[in-house]
Amino acid sequence: MKIEHLALNVSDPTAMGAWYKAHLGMKIVLGLTEPPYTHFLADDGGTVMMELYHNTSALVPDYPNQDPLVFHLAFVSPDPAADKARLIGVGAAALKDETLADGSVLITVRDPWGIPVQLCKRAKPML
């Protein structure tokens, strides 16, 4: 089996989808303009999607106050430091910079809605 998508209940899926498209290279596959404003976004390889929606039947998690070890989105980045600076320039907030023993670089920021976004440059690619 293959994962099709990961779904997130968020406060503003339309704005968030636009931000992820503009700044993280995601492609909007579906973008509804009526509640729950469902947006499906595919990665640049077209192999994985995430679904953003605002369903009032459930609470939007308190993403800004969750530890990134509870939940984070991870993107492959050829230059995590440059991507961190670029994303901070468009509303993200710095969170954590790590270099692992094998030389992998993991830099985590929070998007403008508080969701942790990890920028990964693995010493040995995992995919």
N, C-alpha and C. Protein backbone atom coordinates (compact mmCIF):
# COMPACT_ATOMS: atom_id res chain seq x y z
N MET A 1 0.83 -1.19 0.00
CA MET A 1 0.00 0.00 0.00
C MET A 1 0.88 1.25 0.00
N LYS A 2 0.28 2.32 -0.42
CA LYS A 2 1.01 3.59 -0.51
C LYS A 2 0.17 4.66 0.16
N ILE A 3 0.80 5.54 0.91
CA ILE A 3 0.09 6.65 1.54
C ILE A 3 -0.36 7.62 0.46
N GLU A 4 -1.66 7.97 0.48
CA GLU A 4 -2.15 8.98 -0.46
C GLU A 4 -2.02 10.38 0.12
N HIS A 5 -2.50 10.57 1.37
CA HIS A 5 -2.42 11.91 1.96
C HIS A 5 -2.47 11.85 3.47
N LEU A 6 -2.07 12.96 4.06
CA LEU A 6 -2.15 13.22 5.48
C LEU A 6 -3.09 14.41 5.62
N ALA A 7 -4.08 14.33 6.52
CA ALA A 7 -5.08 15.40 6.64
C ALA A 7 -4.88 16.21 7.91
N LEU A 8 -5.06 17.54 7.78
CA LEU A 8 -4.92 18.45 8.91
C LEU A 8 -6.13 19.37 8.98
N ASN A 9 -6.73 19.46 10.16
CA ASN A 9 -7.79 20.43 10.41
C ASN A 9 -7.09 21.72 10.83
N VAL A 10 -7.27 22.77 10.05
CA VAL A 10 -6.56 24.03 10.27
C VAL A 10 -7.54 25.19 10.25
N SER A 11 -7.11 26.33 10.73
CA SER A 11 -8.00 27.49 10.83
C SER A 11 -8.28 28.16 9.48
N ASP A 12 -7.33 28.13 8.55
CA ASP A 12 -7.51 28.82 7.27
C ASP A 12 -6.86 28.02 6.14
N PRO A 13 -7.52 26.95 5.67
CA PRO A 13 -6.92 26.11 4.65
C PRO A 13 -6.63 26.84 3.33
N THR A 14 -7.43 27.83 3.00
CA THR A 14 -7.22 28.55 1.74
C THR A 14 -5.91 29.33 1.77
N ALA A 15 -5.71 30.12 2.82
CA ALA A 15 -4.47 30.90 2.93
C ALA A 15 -3.27 29.98 3.13
N MET A 16 -3.45 28.95 3.92
CA MET A 16 -2.36 28.03 4.18
C MET A 16 -1.95 27.30 2.89
N GLY A 17 -2.94 26.86 2.11
CA GLY A 17 -2.64 26.20 0.84
C GLY A 17 -1.87 27.12 -0.10
N ALA A 18 -2.28 28.37 -0.15
CA ALA A 18 -1.59 29.35 -1.01
C ALA A 18 -0.15 29.55 -0.55
N TRP A 19 0.07 29.61 0.76
CA TRP A 19 1.42 29.80 1.31
C TRP A 19 2.31 28.60 0.99
N TYR A 20 1.78 27.40 1.18
CA TYR A 20 2.56 26.19 0.90
C TYR A 20 2.86 26.07 -0.60
N LYS A 21 1.94 26.51 -1.43
CA LYS A 21 2.18 26.51 -2.87
C LYS A 21 3.28 27.51 -3.22
N ALA A 22 3.17 28.72 -2.72
CA ALA A 22 4.11 29.78 -3.05
C ALA A 22 5.51 29.55 -2.48
N HIS A 23 5.60 28.96 -1.29
CA HIS A 23 6.88 28.95 -0.59
C HIS A 23 7.49 27.58 -0.37
N LEU A 24 6.71 26.50 -0.56
CA LEU A 24 7.25 25.16 -0.37
C LEU A 24 7.08 24.28 -1.61
N GLY A 25 6.68 24.89 -2.71
CA GLY A 25 6.62 24.16 -3.96
C GLY A 25 5.50 23.16 -4.10
N MET A 26 4.48 23.27 -3.25
CA MET A 26 3.35 22.35 -3.33
C MET A 26 2.44 22.76 -4.48
N LYS A 27 1.70 21.81 -5.02
CA LYS A 27 0.75 22.08 -6.09
C LYS A 27 -0.66 21.84 -5.55
N ILE A 28 -1.56 22.80 -5.73
CA ILE A 28 -2.94 22.63 -5.29
C ILE A 28 -3.66 21.77 -6.31
N VAL A 29 -4.03 20.55 -5.89
CA VAL A 29 -4.72 19.60 -6.74
C VAL A 29 -6.22 19.85 -6.71
N LEU A 30 -6.72 20.27 -5.55
CA LEU A 30 -8.13 20.59 -5.36
C LEU A 30 -8.21 21.71 -4.34
N GLY A 31 -9.00 22.72 -4.60
CA GLY A 31 -9.18 23.84 -3.66
C GLY A 31 -10.64 24.27 -3.65
N LEU A 32 -11.37 23.86 -2.63
CA LEU A 32 -12.78 24.21 -2.53
C LEU A 32 -12.96 25.61 -1.96
N THR A 33 -13.94 26.33 -2.46
CA THR A 33 -14.18 27.71 -2.02
C THR A 33 -15.35 27.81 -1.04
N GLU A 34 -15.91 26.67 -0.64
CA GLU A 34 -16.99 26.63 0.34
C GLU A 34 -16.57 25.72 1.49
N PRO A 35 -17.17 25.92 2.68
CA PRO A 35 -16.80 25.09 3.84
C PRO A 35 -16.92 23.60 3.50
N PRO A 36 -15.95 22.83 3.94
CA PRO A 36 -14.86 23.12 4.88
C PRO A 36 -13.57 23.62 4.21
N TYR A 37 -13.68 24.18 3.00
CA TYR A 37 -12.53 24.77 2.29
C TYR A 37 -11.39 23.78 2.07
N THR A 38 -11.74 22.54 1.78
CA THR A 38 -10.76 21.48 1.59
C THR A 38 -9.79 21.84 0.47
N HIS A 39 -8.50 21.67 0.77
CA HIS A 39 -7.44 21.86 -0.21
C HIS A 39 -6.53 20.64 -0.16
N PHE A 40 -6.36 19.99 -1.31
CA PHE A 40 -5.39 18.91 -1.43
C PHE A 40 -4.16 19.49 -2.11
N LEU A 41 -3.01 19.30 -1.49
CA LEU A 41 -1.74 19.80 -2.03
C LEU A 41 -0.81 18.62 -2.26
N ALA A 42 -0.23 18.55 -3.45
CA ALA A 42 0.72 17.49 -3.79
C ALA A 42 2.14 18.03 -3.72
N ASP A 43 3.07 17.14 -3.37
CA ASP A 43 4.48 17.53 -3.36
C ASP A 43 4.96 17.71 -4.80
N ASP A 44 6.19 18.21 -4.96
CA ASP A 44 6.68 18.52 -6.30
C ASP A 44 6.91 17.28 -7.16
N GLY A 45 6.92 16.11 -6.54
CA GLY A 45 7.04 14.87 -7.30
C GLY A 45 5.70 14.25 -7.64
N GLY A 46 4.62 14.83 -7.08
CA GLY A 46 3.29 14.32 -7.33
C GLY A 46 3.05 12.94 -6.74
N THR A 47 3.76 12.61 -5.66
CA THR A 47 3.62 11.28 -5.07
C THR A 47 2.97 11.27 -3.70
N VAL A 48 2.97 12.40 -3.02
CA VAL A 48 2.37 12.49 -1.68
C VAL A 48 1.53 13.76 -1.62
N MET A 49 0.39 13.66 -0.93
CA MET A 49 -0.46 14.84 -0.76
C MET A 49 -0.74 15.07 0.71
N MET A 50 -1.10 16.32 1.01
CA MET A 50 -1.67 16.64 2.31
C MET A 50 -2.99 17.34 2.04
N GLU A 51 -3.92 17.10 2.94
CA GLU A 51 -5.25 17.70 2.86
C GLU A 51 -5.38 18.71 3.98
N LEU A 52 -5.77 19.91 3.63
CA LEU A 52 -6.03 20.96 4.60
C LEU A 52 -7.51 21.27 4.55
N TYR A 53 -8.15 21.37 5.69
CA TYR A 53 -9.57 21.71 5.73
C TYR A 53 -9.87 22.35 7.07
N HIS A 54 -11.03 23.00 7.15
CA HIS A 54 -11.49 23.56 8.42
C HIS A 54 -12.87 22.98 8.72
N ASN A 55 -12.86 21.88 9.48
CA ASN A 55 -14.10 21.20 9.85
C ASN A 55 -14.45 21.60 11.27
N THR A 56 -15.56 22.32 11.42
CA THR A 56 -15.96 22.82 12.74
C THR A 56 -16.52 21.74 13.65
N SER A 57 -16.65 20.51 13.14
CA SER A 57 -17.09 19.39 13.99
C SER A 57 -15.98 18.92 14.92
N ALA A 58 -14.76 19.35 14.65
CA ALA A 58 -13.62 18.98 15.48
C ALA A 58 -12.80 20.23 15.76
N LEU A 59 -12.09 20.21 16.87
CA LEU A 59 -11.23 21.34 17.22
C LEU A 59 -10.02 21.38 16.31
N VAL A 60 -9.58 22.58 15.99
CA VAL A 60 -8.29 22.75 15.33
C VAL A 60 -7.24 22.57 16.42
N PRO A 61 -6.30 21.65 16.23
CA PRO A 61 -5.27 21.46 17.26
C PRO A 61 -4.51 22.76 17.53
N ASP A 62 -3.96 22.85 18.73
CA ASP A 62 -3.18 24.02 19.13
C ASP A 62 -1.75 23.85 18.60
N TYR A 63 -1.62 23.90 17.29
CA TYR A 63 -0.32 23.68 16.64
C TYR A 63 0.79 24.57 17.20
N PRO A 64 0.53 25.87 17.42
CA PRO A 64 1.63 26.72 17.89
C PRO A 64 2.22 26.30 19.23
N ASN A 65 1.45 25.61 20.05
CA ASN A 65 1.95 25.22 21.36
C ASN A 65 2.31 23.75 21.47
N GLN A 66 2.22 23.01 20.36
CA GLN A 66 2.63 21.61 20.37
C GLN A 66 4.12 21.51 20.11
N ASP A 67 4.76 20.62 20.83
CA ASP A 67 6.16 20.32 20.58
C ASP A 67 6.28 19.70 19.19
N PRO A 68 7.27 20.06 18.40
CA PRO A 68 7.41 19.47 17.07
C PRO A 68 7.64 17.96 17.11
N LEU A 69 7.97 17.43 18.29
CA LEU A 69 8.09 15.98 18.41
C LEU A 69 6.71 15.31 18.40
N VAL A 70 5.66 16.07 18.68
CA VAL A 70 4.29 15.54 18.61
C VAL A 70 3.86 15.45 17.15
N PHE A 71 4.15 16.49 16.38
CA PHE A 71 3.77 16.54 14.98
C PHE A 71 4.61 17.56 14.25
N HIS A 72 5.07 17.20 13.06
CA HIS A 72 5.73 18.15 12.16
C HIS A 72 5.63 17.63 10.73
N LEU A 73 5.75 18.55 9.77
CA LEU A 73 5.83 18.20 8.36
C LEU A 73 7.29 18.32 7.96
N ALA A 74 7.82 17.34 7.24
CA ALA A 74 9.23 17.37 6.86
C ALA A 74 9.36 17.43 5.35
N PHE A 75 10.20 18.35 4.87
CA PHE A 75 10.45 18.54 3.45
C PHE A 75 11.94 18.35 3.18
N VAL A 76 12.27 17.70 2.08
CA VAL A 76 13.67 17.59 1.65
C VAL A 76 14.11 18.97 1.18
N SER A 77 15.28 19.40 1.64
CA SER A 77 15.82 20.71 1.25
C SER A 77 17.29 20.56 0.91
N PRO A 78 17.70 21.02 -0.27
CA PRO A 78 19.12 20.97 -0.60
C PRO A 78 19.95 21.98 0.21
N ASP A 79 19.29 23.02 0.75
CA ASP A 79 19.98 24.04 1.54
C ASP A 79 19.06 24.51 2.66
N PRO A 80 18.99 23.75 3.76
CA PRO A 80 18.06 24.10 4.84
C PRO A 80 18.27 25.50 5.42
N ALA A 81 19.50 25.95 5.54
CA ALA A 81 19.75 27.28 6.11
C ALA A 81 19.17 28.38 5.21
N ALA A 82 19.37 28.25 3.91
CA ALA A 82 18.82 29.25 2.98
C ALA A 82 17.30 29.19 2.97
N ASP A 83 16.74 27.97 2.99
CA ASP A 83 15.28 27.85 3.02
C ASP A 83 14.71 28.40 4.32
N LYS A 84 15.41 28.20 5.42
CA LYS A 84 14.96 28.77 6.70
C LYS A 84 14.89 30.29 6.59
N ALA A 85 15.93 30.91 6.09
CA ALA A 85 15.95 32.38 5.97
C ALA A 85 14.84 32.86 5.05
N ARG A 86 14.65 32.17 3.95
CA ARG A 86 13.60 32.54 2.99
C ARG A 86 12.22 32.42 3.62
N LEU A 87 11.97 31.33 4.34
CA LEU A 87 10.66 31.12 4.95
C LEU A 87 10.40 32.11 6.09
N ILE A 88 11.43 32.44 6.85
CA ILE A 88 11.26 33.45 7.90
C ILE A 88 10.89 34.79 7.27
N GLY A 89 11.43 35.07 6.10
CA GLY A 89 11.10 36.29 5.39
C GLY A 89 9.66 36.38 4.92
N VAL A 90 8.96 35.24 4.89
CA VAL A 90 7.57 35.22 4.44
C VAL A 90 6.62 34.73 5.54
N GLY A 91 7.04 34.93 6.80
CA GLY A 91 6.11 34.69 7.90
C GLY A 91 6.35 33.51 8.80
N ALA A 92 7.32 32.65 8.48
CA ALA A 92 7.64 31.53 9.36
C ALA A 92 8.45 32.04 10.56
N ALA A 93 8.54 31.23 11.59
CA ALA A 93 9.32 31.57 12.78
C ALA A 93 10.35 30.47 13.04
N ALA A 94 11.57 30.87 13.37
CA ALA A 94 12.63 29.91 13.68
C ALA A 94 12.26 29.08 14.90
N LEU A 95 12.64 27.81 14.87
CA LEU A 95 12.33 26.93 16.00
C LEU A 95 13.56 26.16 16.47
N LYS A 96 14.20 25.40 15.57
CA LYS A 96 15.31 24.55 16.01
C LYS A 96 16.23 24.21 14.84
N ASP A 97 17.53 24.24 15.09
CA ASP A 97 18.53 23.83 14.11
C ASP A 97 19.31 22.65 14.69
N GLU A 98 19.43 21.58 13.92
CA GLU A 98 20.16 20.41 14.39
C GLU A 98 21.08 19.89 13.30
N THR A 99 22.25 19.43 13.71
CA THR A 99 23.11 18.65 12.83
C THR A 99 23.33 17.33 13.54
N LEU A 100 22.92 16.25 12.89
CA LEU A 100 23.02 14.92 13.49
C LEU A 100 24.44 14.38 13.35
N ALA A 101 24.73 13.33 14.11
CA ALA A 101 26.07 12.73 14.10
C ALA A 101 26.51 12.30 12.71
N ASP A 102 25.58 11.89 11.86
CA ASP A 102 25.94 11.45 10.50
C ASP A 102 26.11 12.61 9.52
N GLY A 103 25.92 13.85 9.99
CA GLY A 103 26.05 15.02 9.15
C GLY A 103 24.74 15.54 8.57
N SER A 104 23.64 14.82 8.83
CA SER A 104 22.34 15.30 8.36
C SER A 104 21.99 16.61 9.05
N VAL A 105 21.36 17.51 8.30
CA VAL A 105 20.93 18.80 8.83
C VAL A 105 19.41 18.83 8.87
N LEU A 106 18.86 19.13 10.04
CA LEU A 106 17.42 19.24 10.23
C LEU A 106 17.14 20.61 10.85
N ILE A 107 16.47 21.46 10.10
CA ILE A 107 16.12 22.79 10.61
C ILE A 107 14.61 22.87 10.65
N THR A 108 14.08 23.28 11.79
CA THR A 108 12.63 23.35 11.96
C THR A 108 12.20 24.79 12.18
N VAL A 109 11.16 25.18 11.43
CA VAL A 109 10.51 26.48 11.59
C VAL A 109 9.02 26.22 11.84
N ARG A 110 8.32 27.24 12.25
CA ARG A 110 6.86 27.14 12.33
C ARG A 110 6.29 27.99 11.21
N ASP A 111 5.32 27.43 10.47
CA ASP A 111 4.67 28.21 9.43
C ASP A 111 3.83 29.30 10.09
N PRO A 112 3.23 30.22 9.34
CA PRO A 112 2.46 31.30 9.97
C PRO A 112 1.27 30.84 10.82
N TRP A 113 0.88 29.57 10.71
CA TRP A 113 -0.25 29.03 11.50
C TRP A 113 0.25 28.17 12.65
N GLY A 114 1.57 28.14 12.84
CA GLY A 114 2.16 27.45 13.98
C GLY A 114 2.54 26.01 13.75
N ILE A 115 2.35 25.50 12.55
CA ILE A 115 2.69 24.10 12.28
C ILE A 115 4.20 23.99 12.06
N PRO A 116 4.85 23.06 12.77
CA PRO A 116 6.29 22.88 12.57
C PRO A 116 6.59 22.28 11.19
N VAL A 117 7.52 22.91 10.49
CA VAL A 117 7.98 22.46 9.18
C VAL A 117 9.47 22.19 9.30
N GLN A 118 9.84 20.95 9.07
CA GLN A 118 11.24 20.56 9.17
C GLN A 118 11.86 20.55 7.77
N LEU A 119 13.02 21.15 7.65
CA LEU A 119 13.77 21.21 6.39
C LEU A 119 14.93 20.24 6.53
N CYS A 120 14.91 19.17 5.73
CA CYS A 120 15.85 18.06 5.90
C CYS A 120 16.86 17.95 4.77
N LYS A 121 18.12 17.90 5.15
CA LYS A 121 19.17 17.55 4.21
C LYS A 121 19.89 16.36 4.83
N ARG A 122 19.52 15.19 4.39
CA ARG A 122 20.08 13.95 4.96
C ARG A 122 21.46 13.66 4.37
N ALA A 123 22.37 13.20 5.24
CA ALA A 123 23.68 12.78 4.76
C ALA A 123 23.52 11.64 3.76
N LYS A 124 22.57 10.77 4.01
CA LYS A 124 22.22 9.68 3.10
C LYS A 124 20.73 9.75 2.91
N PRO A 125 20.26 10.16 1.71
CA PRO A 125 18.80 10.29 1.48
C PRO A 125 18.04 9.03 1.89
N MET A 126 16.89 9.25 2.52
CA MET A 126 16.08 8.13 2.99
C MET A 126 15.10 7.65 1.92
N LEU A 127 14.75 8.52 0.98
CA LEU A 127 13.85 8.14 -0.12
C LEU A 127 14.55 8.25 -1.45
